PDB file of N, CA and C in Angstrom:
ATOM      1  N   UNK A   1      -7.621  16.401  -2.616  1.00  0.00           N
ATOM      2  CA  UNK A   1      -6.941  15.214  -2.127  1.00  0.00           C
ATOM      3  C   UNK A   1      -7.911  13.985  -2.025  1.00  0.00           C
ATOM      4  N   UNK A   2      -9.256  14.797  -1.130  1.00  0.00           N
ATOM      5  CA  UNK A   2     -10.171  13.741  -0.462  1.00  0.00           C
ATOM      6  C   UNK A   2     -11.098  13.001  -1.336  1.00  0.00           C
ATOM      7  N   UNK A   3     -10.721  12.976  -2.722  1.00  0.00           N
ATOM      8  CA  UNK A   3     -11.486  12.135  -3.634  1.00  0.00           C
ATOM      9  C   UNK A   3      -9.947  10.894  -4.013  1.00  0.00           C
ATOM     10  N   UNK A   4      -8.861  11.864  -4.054  1.00  0.00           N
ATOM     11  CA  UNK A   4      -7.944  10.278  -3.908  1.00  0.00           C
ATOM     12  C   UNK A   4      -7.991   9.518  -2.902  1.00  0.00           C
ATOM     13  N   UNK A   5      -8.031   9.819  -2.020  1.00  0.00           N
ATOM     14  CA  UNK A   5      -8.024   9.064  -0.993  1.00  0.00           C
ATOM     15  C   UNK A   5      -9.154   8.480  -0.523  1.00  0.00           C
ATOM     16  N   UNK A   6      -9.931   8.599  -0.851  1.00  0.00           N
ATOM     17  CA  UNK A   6     -11.239   7.720  -1.359  1.00  0.00           C
ATOM     18  C   UNK A   6     -11.204   6.810  -3.067  1.00  0.00           C
ATOM     19  N   UNK A   7     -11.234   6.602  -3.818  1.00  0.00           N
ATOM     20  CA  UNK A   7     -10.484   6.124  -5.004  1.00  0.00           C
ATOM     21  C   UNK A   7      -9.246   4.793  -4.487  1.00  0.00           C
ATOM     22  N   UNK A   8      -8.953   5.737  -4.216  1.00  0.00           N
ATOM     23  CA  UNK A   8      -7.695   4.676  -3.382  1.00  0.00           C
ATOM     24  C   UNK A   8      -7.680   3.616  -2.730  1.00  0.00           C
ATOM     25  N   UNK A   9      -8.819   4.305  -1.368  1.00  0.00           N
ATOM     26  CA  UNK A   9      -9.682   3.220  -0.696  1.00  0.00           C
ATOM     27  C   UNK A   9      -9.865   2.086  -0.660  1.00  0.00           C
ATOM     28  N   UNK A  10     -10.778   2.467  -1.938  1.00  0.00           N
ATOM     29  CA  UNK A  10     -11.431   1.283  -2.618  1.00  0.00           C
ATOM     30  C   UNK A  10     -10.768   0.365  -3.037  1.00  0.00           C
ATOM     31  N   UNK A  11      -9.368   1.348  -4.381  1.00  0.00           N
ATOM     32  CA  UNK A  11      -8.730   0.124  -4.368  1.00  0.00           C
ATOM     33  C   UNK A  11      -7.871  -0.816  -3.877  1.00  0.00           C
ATOM     34  N   UNK A  12      -7.100   0.220  -3.011  1.00  0.00           N
ATOM     35  CA  UNK A  12      -6.708  -1.588  -1.860  1.00  0.00           C
ATOM     36  C   UNK A  12      -7.457  -1.855  -1.400  1.00  0.00           C
ATOM     37  N   UNK A  13      -8.878  -1.450  -0.739  1.00  0.00           N
ATOM     38  CA  UNK A  13      -9.479  -2.616  -0.137  1.00  0.00           C
ATOM     39  C   UNK A  13     -10.292  -4.104  -1.133  1.00  0.00           C
ATOM     40  N   UNK A  14     -10.068  -3.406  -2.127  1.00  0.00           N
ATOM     41  CA  UNK A  14     -10.657  -4.729  -3.157  1.00  0.00           C
ATOM     42  C   UNK A  14      -8.953  -5.460  -3.851  1.00  0.00           C
ATOM     43  N   UNK A  15      -8.692  -4.758  -4.980  1.00  0.00           N
ATOM     44  CA  UNK A  15      -7.390  -5.285  -5.404  1.00  0.00           C
ATOM     45  C   UNK A  15      -6.074  -5.703  -3.771  1.00  0.00           C
ATOM     46  N   UNK A  16      -6.204  -4.892  -3.379  1.00  0.00           N
ATOM     47  CA  UNK A  16      -4.861  -5.481  -2.178  1.00  0.00           C
ATOM     48  C   UNK A  16      -5.406  -6.498  -1.433  1.00  0.00           C
ATOM     49  N   UNK A  17      -6.624  -5.963  -0.996  1.00  0.00           N
ATOM     50  CA  UNK A  17      -7.069  -7.243  -0.361  1.00  0.00           C
ATOM     51  C   UNK A  17      -7.319  -8.960  -0.769  1.00  0.00           C
ATOM     52  N   UNK A  18      -7.621  -8.345  -2.378  1.00  0.00           N
ATOM     53  CA  UNK A  18      -8.380  -9.647  -3.484  1.00  0.00           C
ATOM     54  C   UNK A  18      -6.084 -10.792  -3.400  1.00  0.00           C
ATOM     55  N   UNK A  19      -5.089  -9.438  -3.084  1.00  0.00           N
ATOM     56  CA  UNK A  19      -4.338 -10.154  -3.630  1.00  0.00           C
ATOM     57  C   UNK A  19      -3.641 -11.196  -2.380  1.00  0.00           C
ATOM     58  N   UNK A  20      -3.979 -10.323  -1.262  1.00  0.00           N
ATOM     59  CA  UNK A  20      -3.516 -11.056  -0.257  1.00  0.00           C
ATOM     60  C   UNK A  20      -4.411 -12.389   0.035  1.00  0.00           C
ATOM     61  N   UNK A  21      -5.547 -11.994   0.414  1.00  0.00           N
ATOM     62  CA  UNK A  21      -6.056 -13.420   0.439  1.00  0.00           C
ATOM     63  C   UNK A  21      -5.851 -14.128  -0.655  1.00  0.00           C
ATOM     64  N   UNK A  22      -5.611 -13.883  -1.774  1.00  0.00           N
ATOM     65  CA  UNK A  22      -5.444 -14.861  -2.607  1.00  0.00           C
ATOM     66  C   UNK A  22      -4.106 -15.761  -2.619  1.00  0.00           C
ATOM     67  N   UNK A  23      -3.093 -15.070  -2.128  1.00  0.00           N
ATOM     68  CA  UNK A  23      -1.642 -15.410  -2.288  1.00  0.00           C
ATOM     69  C   UNK A  23      -1.412 -16.109  -0.018  1.00  0.00           C
ATOM     70  N   UNK A  24      -1.875 -15.443   0.740  1.00  0.00           N
ATOM     71  CA  UNK A  24      -1.500 -16.026   1.564  1.00  0.00           C
ATOM     72  C   UNK A  24      -2.191 -16.339   2.816  1.00  0.00           C
ATOM     73  N   UNK A  25      -2.684 -16.628   4.062  1.00  0.00           N
ATOM     74  CA  UNK A  25      -3.556 -17.077   4.559  1.00  0.00           C
ATOM     75  C   UNK A  25      -3.781 -15.638   6.188  1.00  0.00           C
ATOM     76  N   UNK A  26      -4.521 -15.016   5.292  1.00  0.00           N
ATOM     77  CA  UNK A  26      -4.695 -13.932   6.082  1.00  0.00           C
ATOM     78  C   UNK A  26      -6.144 -12.905   5.917  1.00  0.00           C
ATOM     79  N   UNK A  27      -7.061 -13.185   6.816  1.00  0.00           N
ATOM     80  CA  UNK A  27      -8.456 -11.766   6.673  1.00  0.00           C
ATOM     81  C   UNK A  27      -8.662 -10.327   5.856  1.00  0.00           C
ATOM     82  N   UNK A  28      -9.410 -10.675   5.292  1.00  0.00           N
ATOM     83  CA  UNK A  28      -8.880  -9.089   4.240  1.00  0.00           C
ATOM     84  C   UNK A  28      -8.484  -8.328   5.285  1.00  0.00           C
ATOM     85  N   UNK A  29      -8.318  -7.074   5.173  1.00  0.00           N
ATOM     86  CA  UNK A  29      -8.074  -5.619   6.275  1.00  0.00           C
ATOM     87  C   UNK A  29      -8.935  -4.918   5.380  1.00  0.00           C
ATOM     88  N   UNK A  30      -9.083  -3.653   6.815  1.00  0.00           N
ATOM     89  CA  UNK A  30      -9.626  -2.405   6.026  1.00  0.00           C
ATOM     90  C   UNK A  30      -8.782  -1.620   5.962  1.00  0.00           C
ATOM     91  N   UNK A  31      -8.352  -0.701   5.119  1.00  0.00           N
ATOM     92  CA  UNK A  31      -7.258  -0.018   4.376  1.00  0.00           C
ATOM     93  C   UNK A  31      -8.028   1.605   4.275  1.00  0.00           C
ATOM     94  N   UNK A  32      -7.234   2.526   5.233  1.00  0.00           N
ATOM     95  CA  UNK A  32      -7.811   4.211   4.926  1.00  0.00           C
ATOM     96  C   UNK A  32      -6.928   4.722   4.734  1.00  0.00           C
ATOM     97  N   UNK A  33      -6.833   6.247   3.396  1.00  0.00           N
ATOM     98  CA  UNK A  33      -5.957   6.326   2.903  1.00  0.00           C
ATOM     99  C   UNK A  33      -5.845   7.886   2.786  1.00  0.00           C
ATOM    100  N   UNK A  34      -4.789   8.227   3.080  1.00  0.00           N
ATOM    101  CA  UNK A  34      -4.776  10.127   3.016  1.00  0.00           C
ATOM    102  C   UNK A  34      -3.404  10.089   2.447  1.00  0.00           C
ATOM    103  N   UNK A  35      -3.537  10.479   1.543  1.00  0.00           N
ATOM    104  CA  UNK A  35      -2.222  11.519   0.195  1.00  0.00           C
ATOM    105  C   UNK A  35      -1.996  12.820   1.151  1.00  0.00           C
ATOM    106  N   UNK A  36      -1.185  13.129   1.129  1.00  0.00           N
ATOM    107  CA  UNK A  36      -0.991  14.330   1.453  1.00  0.00           C
ATOM    108  C   UNK A  36       0.489  14.903   0.950  1.00  0.00           C
ATOM    109  N   UNK A  37       0.460  16.116   0.761  1.00  0.00           N
ATOM    110  CA  UNK A  37       2.001  17.038  -0.134  1.00  0.00           C
ATOM    111  C   UNK A  37       3.575  15.866   0.937  1.00  0.00           C
ATOM    112  N   UNK A  38       4.432  16.088  -0.191  1.00  0.00           N
ATOM    113  CA  UNK A  38       5.634  15.784   1.631  1.00  0.00           C
ATOM    114  C   UNK A  38       5.605  17.470   2.038  1.00  0.00           C
ATOM    115  N   UNK A  39       6.636  17.259   2.969  1.00  0.00           N
ATOM    116  CA  UNK A  39       7.160  18.300   3.619  1.00  0.00           C
ATOM    117  C   UNK A  39       8.602  18.281   3.597  1.00  0.00           C
ATOM    118  N   UNK A  40       8.849  17.120   2.821  1.00  0.00           N
ATOM    119  CA  UNK A  40      10.467  16.721   2.292  1.00  0.00           C
ATOM    120  C   UNK A  40      11.342  16.723   3.943  1.00  0.00           C
ATOM    121  N   UNK A  41      10.329  16.140   5.075  1.00  0.00           N
ATOM    122  CA  UNK A  41      11.542  16.006   6.282  1.00  0.00           C
ATOM    123  C   UNK A  41      12.911  14.864   5.578  1.00  0.00           C
ATOM    124  N   UNK A  42      13.208  14.569   7.443  1.00  0.00           N
ATOM    125  CA  UNK A  42      14.187  14.090   6.548  1.00  0.00           C
ATOM    126  C   UNK A  42      14.800  12.985   5.860  1.00  0.00           C
ATOM    127  N   UNK A  43      13.598  12.421   5.776  1.00  0.00           N
ATOM    128  CA  UNK A  43      12.808  10.308   5.551  1.00  0.00           C
ATOM    129  C   UNK A  43      11.869  11.150   4.281  1.00  0.00           C
ATOM    130  N   UNK A  44      11.409  12.139   3.375  1.00  0.00           N
ATOM    131  CA  UNK A  44      10.933  11.820   2.437  1.00  0.00           C
ATOM    132  C   UNK A  44      11.707  12.848   1.195  1.00  0.00           C
ATOM    133  N   UNK A  45      11.194  11.535   0.967  1.00  0.00           N
ATOM    134  CA  UNK A  45      12.345  11.712  -0.897  1.00  0.00           C
ATOM    135  C   UNK A  45      10.986  11.822  -2.052  1.00  0.00           C
ATOM    136  N   UNK A  46      10.231  11.891  -1.482  1.00  0.00           N
ATOM    137  CA  UNK A  46       8.592  12.043  -2.356  1.00  0.00           C
ATOM    138  C   UNK A  46       8.051  13.121  -2.294  1.00  0.00           C
ATOM    139  N   UNK A  47       7.323  13.812  -3.345  1.00  0.00           N
ATOM    140  CA  UNK A  47       6.774  14.530  -3.557  1.00  0.00           C
ATOM    141  C   UNK A  47       5.355  14.752  -2.874  1.00  0.00           C
ATOM    142  N   UNK A  48       4.329  12.881  -2.977  1.00  0.00           N
ATOM    143  CA  UNK A  48       3.298  12.801  -2.383  1.00  0.00           C
ATOM    144  C   UNK A  48       3.769  12.025  -1.560  1.00  0.00           C
ATOM    145  N   UNK A  49       2.697  11.419  -0.434  1.00  0.00           N
ATOM    146  CA  UNK A  49       2.968  10.612   0.554  1.00  0.00           C
ATOM    147  C   UNK A  49       1.199   9.870   0.320  1.00  0.00           C
ATOM    148  N   UNK A  50       1.280   8.851   0.169  1.00  0.00           N
ATOM    149  CA  UNK A  50       0.267   7.799  -0.072  1.00  0.00           C
ATOM    150  C   UNK A  50       0.608   6.931   1.896  1.00  0.00           C
ATOM    151  N   UNK A  51      -0.239   7.846   2.659  1.00  0.00           N
ATOM    152  CA  UNK A  51      -0.369   6.943   4.264  1.00  0.00           C
ATOM    153  C   UNK A  51      -0.955   6.071   4.283  1.00  0.00           C
ATOM    154  N   UNK A  52      -0.886   5.021   4.475  1.00  0.00           N
ATOM    155  CA  UNK A  52      -2.003   3.841   4.284  1.00  0.00           C
ATOM    156  C   UNK A  52      -2.520   3.493   6.201  1.00  0.00           C
ATOM    157  N   UNK A  53      -3.510   3.796   6.101  1.00  0.00           N
ATOM    158  CA  UNK A  53      -4.236   3.136   8.422  1.00  0.00           C
ATOM    159  C   UNK A  53      -4.698   1.286   7.186  1.00  0.00           C
ATOM    160  N   UNK A  54      -4.341   0.201   8.525  1.00  0.00           N
ATOM    161  CA  UNK A  54      -4.703  -0.736   8.068  1.00  0.00           C
ATOM    162  C   UNK A  54      -5.063  -1.483   9.310  1.00  0.00           C
ATOM    163  N   UNK A  55      -6.480  -1.536   9.221  1.00  0.00           N
ATOM    164  CA  UNK A  55      -7.149  -2.709  10.752  1.00  0.00           C
ATOM    165  C   UNK A  55      -7.473  -3.638   9.599  1.00  0.00           C
ATOM    166  N   UNK A  56      -6.993  -5.003  10.635  1.00  0.00           N
ATOM    167  CA  UNK A  56      -5.803  -4.922  11.650  1.00  0.00           C
ATOM    168  C   UNK A  56      -4.829  -4.046  11.499  1.00  0.00           C
ATOM    169  N   UNK A  57      -3.556  -4.200  12.090  1.00  0.00           N
ATOM    170  CA  UNK A  57      -2.245  -4.018  11.724  1.00  0.00           C
ATOM    171  C   UNK A  57      -1.524  -4.288  10.689  1.00  0.00           C
ATOM    172  N   UNK A  58      -1.093  -4.364   9.469  1.00  0.00           N
ATOM    173  CA  UNK A  58      -0.117  -5.283   8.858  1.00  0.00           C
ATOM    174  C   UNK A  58       1.194  -5.986   9.583  1.00  0.00           C
ATOM    175  N   UNK A  59       1.114  -7.230   9.282  1.00  0.00           N
ATOM    176  CA  UNK A  59       2.690  -7.906   9.887  1.00  0.00           C
ATOM    177  C   UNK A  59       4.125  -7.548   8.980  1.00  0.00           C
ATOM    178  N   UNK A  60       5.203  -7.102   9.259  1.00  0.00           N
ATOM    179  CA  UNK A  60       5.931  -6.675   8.687  1.00  0.00           C
ATOM    180  C   UNK A  60       6.902  -8.013   7.505  1.00  0.00           C
ATOM    181  N   UNK A  61       5.803  -9.331   7.312  1.00  0.00           N
ATOM    182  CA  UNK A  61       6.220 -10.278   6.652  1.00  0.00           C
ATOM    183  C   UNK A  61       4.459 -11.180   6.467  1.00  0.00           C
ATOM    184  N   UNK A  62       4.605 -11.901   5.443  1.00  0.00           N
ATOM    185  CA  UNK A  62       3.030 -12.615   4.845  1.00  0.00           C
ATOM    186  C   UNK A  62       4.038 -14.065   4.593  1.00  0.00           C
ATOM    187  N   UNK A  63       4.017 -15.030   4.910  1.00  0.00           N
ATOM    188  CA  UNK A  63       4.359 -16.380   4.415  1.00  0.00           C
ATOM    189  C   UNK A  63       2.873 -16.869   3.937  1.00  0.00           C
ATOM    190  N   UNK A  64       3.429 -17.548   2.310  1.00  0.00           N
ATOM    191  CA  UNK A  64       2.453 -17.977   1.465  1.00  0.00           C
ATOM    192  C   UNK A  64       1.571 -19.262   1.895  1.00  0.00           C
ATOM    193  N   UNK A  65       0.148 -19.372   1.818  1.00  0.00           N
ATOM    194  CA  UNK A  65      -0.394 -20.192   1.824  1.00  0.00           C
ATOM    195  C   UNK A  65       0.048 -21.402   1.768  1.00  0.00           C
ATOM    196  N   UNK A  66       0.188 -22.125   2.627  1.00  0.00           N
ATOM    197  CA  UNK A  66       0.938 -24.152   3.031  1.00  0.00           C
ATOM    198  C   UNK A  66       2.178 -23.945   2.678  1.00  0.00           C
ATOM    199  N   UNK A  67       2.936 -22.766   2.705  1.00  0.00           N
ATOM    200  CA  UNK A  67       4.328 -22.718   2.736  1.00  0.00           C
ATOM    201  C   UNK A  67       5.050 -21.236   4.146  1.00  0.00           C
ATOM    202  N   UNK A  68       5.291 -22.399   5.305  1.00  0.00           N
ATOM    203  CA  UNK A  68       6.057 -22.327   6.367  1.00  0.00           C
ATOM    204  C   UNK A  68       7.620 -21.578   6.569  1.00  0.00           C
ATOM    205  N   UNK A  69       8.230 -22.116   5.434  1.00  0.00           N
ATOM    206  CA  UNK A  69       9.567 -20.804   4.942  1.00  0.00           C
ATOM    207  C   UNK A  69       9.377 -19.581   4.643  1.00  0.00           C
ATOM    208  N   UNK A  70       8.460 -19.432   3.367  1.00  0.00           N
ATOM    209  CA  UNK A  70       8.952 -18.628   2.092  1.00  0.00           C
ATOM    210  C   UNK A  70       7.411 -17.190   2.361  1.00  0.00           C
ATOM    211  N   UNK A  71       7.955 -16.483   2.153  1.00  0.00           N
ATOM    212  CA  UNK A  71       6.581 -15.576   1.962  1.00  0.00           C
ATOM    213  C   UNK A  71       7.393 -14.160   1.433  1.00  0.00           C
ATOM    214  N   UNK A  72       7.430 -12.767   1.492  1.00  0.00           N
ATOM    215  CA  UNK A  72       7.399 -12.066   1.224  1.00  0.00           C
ATOM    216  C   UNK A  72       7.534 -10.472   2.005  1.00  0.00           C
ATOM    217  N   UNK A  73       7.966  -9.637   2.207  1.00  0.00           N
ATOM    218  CA  UNK A  73       8.524  -8.428   3.820  1.00  0.00           C
ATOM    219  C   UNK A  73       7.228  -7.882   2.833  1.00  0.00           C
ATOM    220  N   UNK A  74       7.015  -6.909   3.734  1.00  0.00           N
ATOM    221  CA  UNK A  74       5.928  -6.324   3.627  1.00  0.00           C
ATOM    222  C   UNK A  74       6.925  -5.048   2.470  1.00  0.00           C
ATOM    223  N   UNK A  75       8.079  -4.407   2.438  1.00  0.00           N
ATOM    224  CA  UNK A  75       8.596  -4.079   1.115  1.00  0.00           C
ATOM    225  C   UNK A  75       7.751  -4.074  -0.115  1.00  0.00           C
ATOM    226  N   UNK A  76       7.554  -5.732  -0.344  1.00  0.00           N
ATOM    227  CA  UNK A  76       7.256  -6.030  -1.652  1.00  0.00           C
ATOM    228  C   UNK A  76       5.581  -5.483  -1.683  1.00  0.00           C
ATOM    229  N   UNK A  77       5.397  -5.792  -1.042  1.00  0.00           N
ATOM    230  CA  UNK A  77       4.071  -5.284  -0.676  1.00  0.00           C
ATOM    231  C   UNK A  77       4.014  -3.796  -0.796  1.00  0.00           C
ATOM    232  N   UNK A  78       4.549  -3.025  -0.688  1.00  0.00           N
ATOM    233  CA  UNK A  78       3.773  -1.336  -0.169  1.00  0.00           C
ATOM    234  C   UNK A  78       4.605  -1.010  -2.334  1.00  0.00           C
ATOM    235  N   UNK A  79       5.846  -1.862  -2.730  1.00  0.00           N
ATOM    236  CA  UNK A  79       5.348  -1.766  -4.418  1.00  0.00           C
ATOM    237  C   UNK A  79       4.359  -1.894  -5.455  1.00  0.00           C
ATOM    238  N   UNK A  80       3.812  -2.940  -4.508  1.00  0.00           N
ATOM    239  CA  UNK A  80       2.452  -3.639  -5.066  1.00  0.00           C
ATOM    240  C   UNK A  80       1.875  -2.450  -4.931  1.00  0.00           C
ATOM    241  N   UNK A  81       1.685  -2.093  -3.701  1.00  0.00           N
ATOM    242  CA  UNK A  81       0.125  -1.091  -3.707  1.00  0.00           C
ATOM    243  C   UNK A  81       0.901   0.585  -4.854  1.00  0.00           C
ATOM    244  N   UNK A  82       1.713   0.431  -4.325  1.00  0.00           N
ATOM    245  CA  UNK A  82       2.726   1.999  -5.039  1.00  0.00           C
ATOM    246  C   UNK A  82       2.086   1.692  -7.067  1.00  0.00           C
ATOM    247  N   UNK A  83       2.462   0.259  -7.492  1.00  0.00           N
ATOM    248  CA  UNK A  83       1.985  -0.223  -8.816  1.00  0.00           C
ATOM    249  C   UNK A  83       0.245   0.336  -8.786  1.00  0.00           C
ATOM    250  N   UNK A  84      -0.428  -0.167  -7.989  1.00  0.00           N
ATOM    251  CA  UNK A  84      -1.585   0.818  -7.754  1.00  0.00           C
ATOM    252  C   UNK A  84      -2.233   1.517  -9.030  1.00  0.00           C
ATOM    253  N   UNK A  85      -1.268   2.791  -7.757  1.00  0.00           N
ATOM    254  CA  UNK A  85      -1.589   4.000  -8.400  1.00  0.00           C
ATOM    255  C   UNK A  85      -1.811   4.396  -9.844  1.00  0.00           C
ATOM    256  N   UNK A  86      -1.199   3.459 -10.947  1.00  0.00           N
ATOM    257  CA  UNK A  86      -0.883   3.691 -11.841  1.00  0.00           C
ATOM    258  C   UNK A  86      -2.764   3.060 -12.777  1.00  0.00           C
ATOM    259  N   UNK A  87      -3.422   2.168 -12.356  1.00  0.00           N
ATOM    260  CA  UNK A  87      -4.913   2.065 -12.459  1.00  0.00           C
ATOM    261  C   UNK A  87      -5.708   3.248 -12.337  1.00  0.00           C
ATOM    262  N   UNK A  88      -5.550   4.404 -11.499  1.00  0.00           N
ATOM    263  CA  UNK A  88      -6.386   5.611 -11.546  1.00  0.00           C
ATOM    264  C   UNK A  88      -5.619   6.501 -12.487  1.00  0.00           C
ATOM    265  N   UNK A  89      -4.349   6.883 -12.521  1.00  0.00           N
ATOM    266  CA  UNK A  89      -4.084   7.909 -13.525  1.00  0.00           C
ATOM    267  C   UNK A  89      -3.041   7.726 -14.083  1.00  0.00           C
ATOM    268  N   UNK A  90      -2.618   6.988 -15.322  1.00  0.00           N
ATOM    269  CA  UNK A  90      -1.554   6.241 -15.843  1.00  0.00           C
ATOM    270  C   UNK A  90       0.213   7.366 -15.588  1.00  0.00           C
ATOM    271  N   UNK A  91      -0.548   8.408 -15.701  1.00  0.00           N
ATOM    272  CA  UNK A  91       0.512   9.951 -15.930  1.00  0.00           C
ATOM    273  C   UNK A  91       1.085  10.107 -14.226  1.00  0.00           C
ATOM    274  N   UNK A  92       1.038   9.129 -13.046  1.00  0.00           N
ATOM    275  CA  UNK A  92       1.307   9.074 -12.198  1.00  0.00           C
ATOM    276  C   UNK A  92       2.843   7.659 -12.398  1.00  0.00           C
ATOM    277  N   UNK A  93       2.573   6.640 -12.888  1.00  0.00           N
ATOM    278  CA  UNK A  93       4.076   6.158 -13.048  1.00  0.00           C
ATOM    279  C   UNK A  93       4.614   7.260 -14.229  1.00  0.00           C
ATOM    280  N   UNK A  94       4.629   8.172 -14.740  1.00  0.00           N
ATOM    281  CA  UNK A  94       5.718   9.027 -15.198  1.00  0.00           C
ATOM    282  C   UNK A  94       6.356   9.934 -14.254  1.00  0.00           C
ATOM    283  N   UNK A  95       6.048  10.016 -12.978  1.00  0.00           N
ATOM    284  CA  UNK A  95       7.006  10.205 -11.836  1.00  0.00           C
ATOM    285  C   UNK A  95       7.923   9.724 -11.476  1.00  0.00           C
ATOM    286  N   UNK A  96       7.501   8.510 -11.187  1.00  0.00           N
ATOM    287  CA  UNK A  96       8.526   7.878 -10.988  1.00  0.00           C
ATOM    288  C   UNK A  96       8.626   7.579  -9.303  1.00  0.00           C
ATOM    289  N   UNK A  97       9.788   8.511  -8.858  1.00  0.00           N
ATOM    290  CA  UNK A  97       9.974   8.419  -7.066  1.00  0.00           C
ATOM    291  C   UNK A  97       9.034   9.812  -6.424  1.00  0.00           C
ATOM    292  N   UNK A  98       8.123  10.515  -7.543  1.00  0.00           N
ATOM    293  CA  UNK A  98       7.746  10.972  -6.577  1.00  0.00           C
ATOM    294  C   UNK A  98       6.476  10.936  -5.662  1.00  0.00           C
ATOM    295  N   UNK A  99       5.685   9.730  -5.888  1.00  0.00           N
ATOM    296  CA  UNK A  99       4.848   8.914  -4.898  1.00  0.00           C
ATOM    297  C   UNK A  99       5.356   8.694  -4.227  1.00  0.00           C
ATOM    298  N   UNK A 100       5.317   7.896  -2.729  1.00  0.00           N
ATOM    299  CA  UNK A 100       5.777   7.226  -1.850  1.00  0.00           C
ATOM    300  C   UNK A 100       4.600   6.250  -0.980  1.00  0.00           C
ATOM    301  N   UNK A 101       4.474   5.171  -0.693  1.00  0.00           N
ATOM    302  CA  UNK A 101       3.995   5.012   0.014  1.00  0.00           C
ATOM    303  C   UNK A 101       3.744   4.491   0.923  1.00  0.00           C
ATOM    304  N   UNK A 102       3.348   4.534   2.119  1.00  0.00           N
ATOM    305  CA  UNK A 102       3.481   3.701   3.973  1.00  0.00           C
ATOM    306  C   UNK A 102       2.823   3.585   4.686  1.00  0.00           C
ATOM    307  N   UNK A 103       2.924   2.524   4.343  1.00  0.00           N
ATOM    308  CA  UNK A 103       2.505   2.023   5.672  1.00  0.00           C
ATOM    309  C   UNK A 103       2.025   2.212   6.780  1.00  0.00           C
ATOM    310  N   UNK A 104       1.142   2.690   8.053  1.00  0.00           N
ATOM    311  CA  UNK A 104       1.181   3.540   9.199  1.00  0.00           C
ATOM    312  C   UNK A 104       1.339   2.895  10.661  1.00  0.00           C
ATOM    313  N   UNK A 105       0.442   1.098  10.255  1.00  0.00           N
ATOM    314  CA  UNK A 105       0.459   0.938  11.580  1.00  0.00           C
ATOM    315  C   UNK A 105       1.273  -0.418  11.202  1.00  0.00           C
ATOM    316  N   UNK A 106       2.390  -1.062  11.187  1.00  0.00           N
ATOM    317  CA  UNK A 106       2.639  -2.648  11.210  1.00  0.00           C
ATOM    318  C   UNK A 106       3.317  -2.790  12.738  1.00  0.00           C
ATOM    319  N   UNK A 107       3.063  -4.338  12.555  1.00  0.00           N
ATOM    320  CA  UNK A 107       3.165  -4.711  13.808  1.00  0.00           C
ATOM    321  C   UNK A 107       4.718  -5.249  13.863  1.00  0.00           C
TER     322      UNK A 107
END
């Protein structure tokens, strides 16, 4: 899975940061990724978990550029990052909920 970690890191650092800096008043983040097989603990409903570490920590919500009232919750960003996985291998899309994305350091 080491190869998948590196590919997702590049994808998130490029596409994820492009999205974030285009829509929100934030500096680019440095993302590190660890993909692991789920141990099916109490809170894991997925076969694989994509753990995304960021520097600096991600905020719980992002405010749109120039708009102090409207923004998105980090759960929308999680969905977007999960969608990016399809760029690597379209078969991941067939699994639906078998791959989960978890942001590991959120402030």
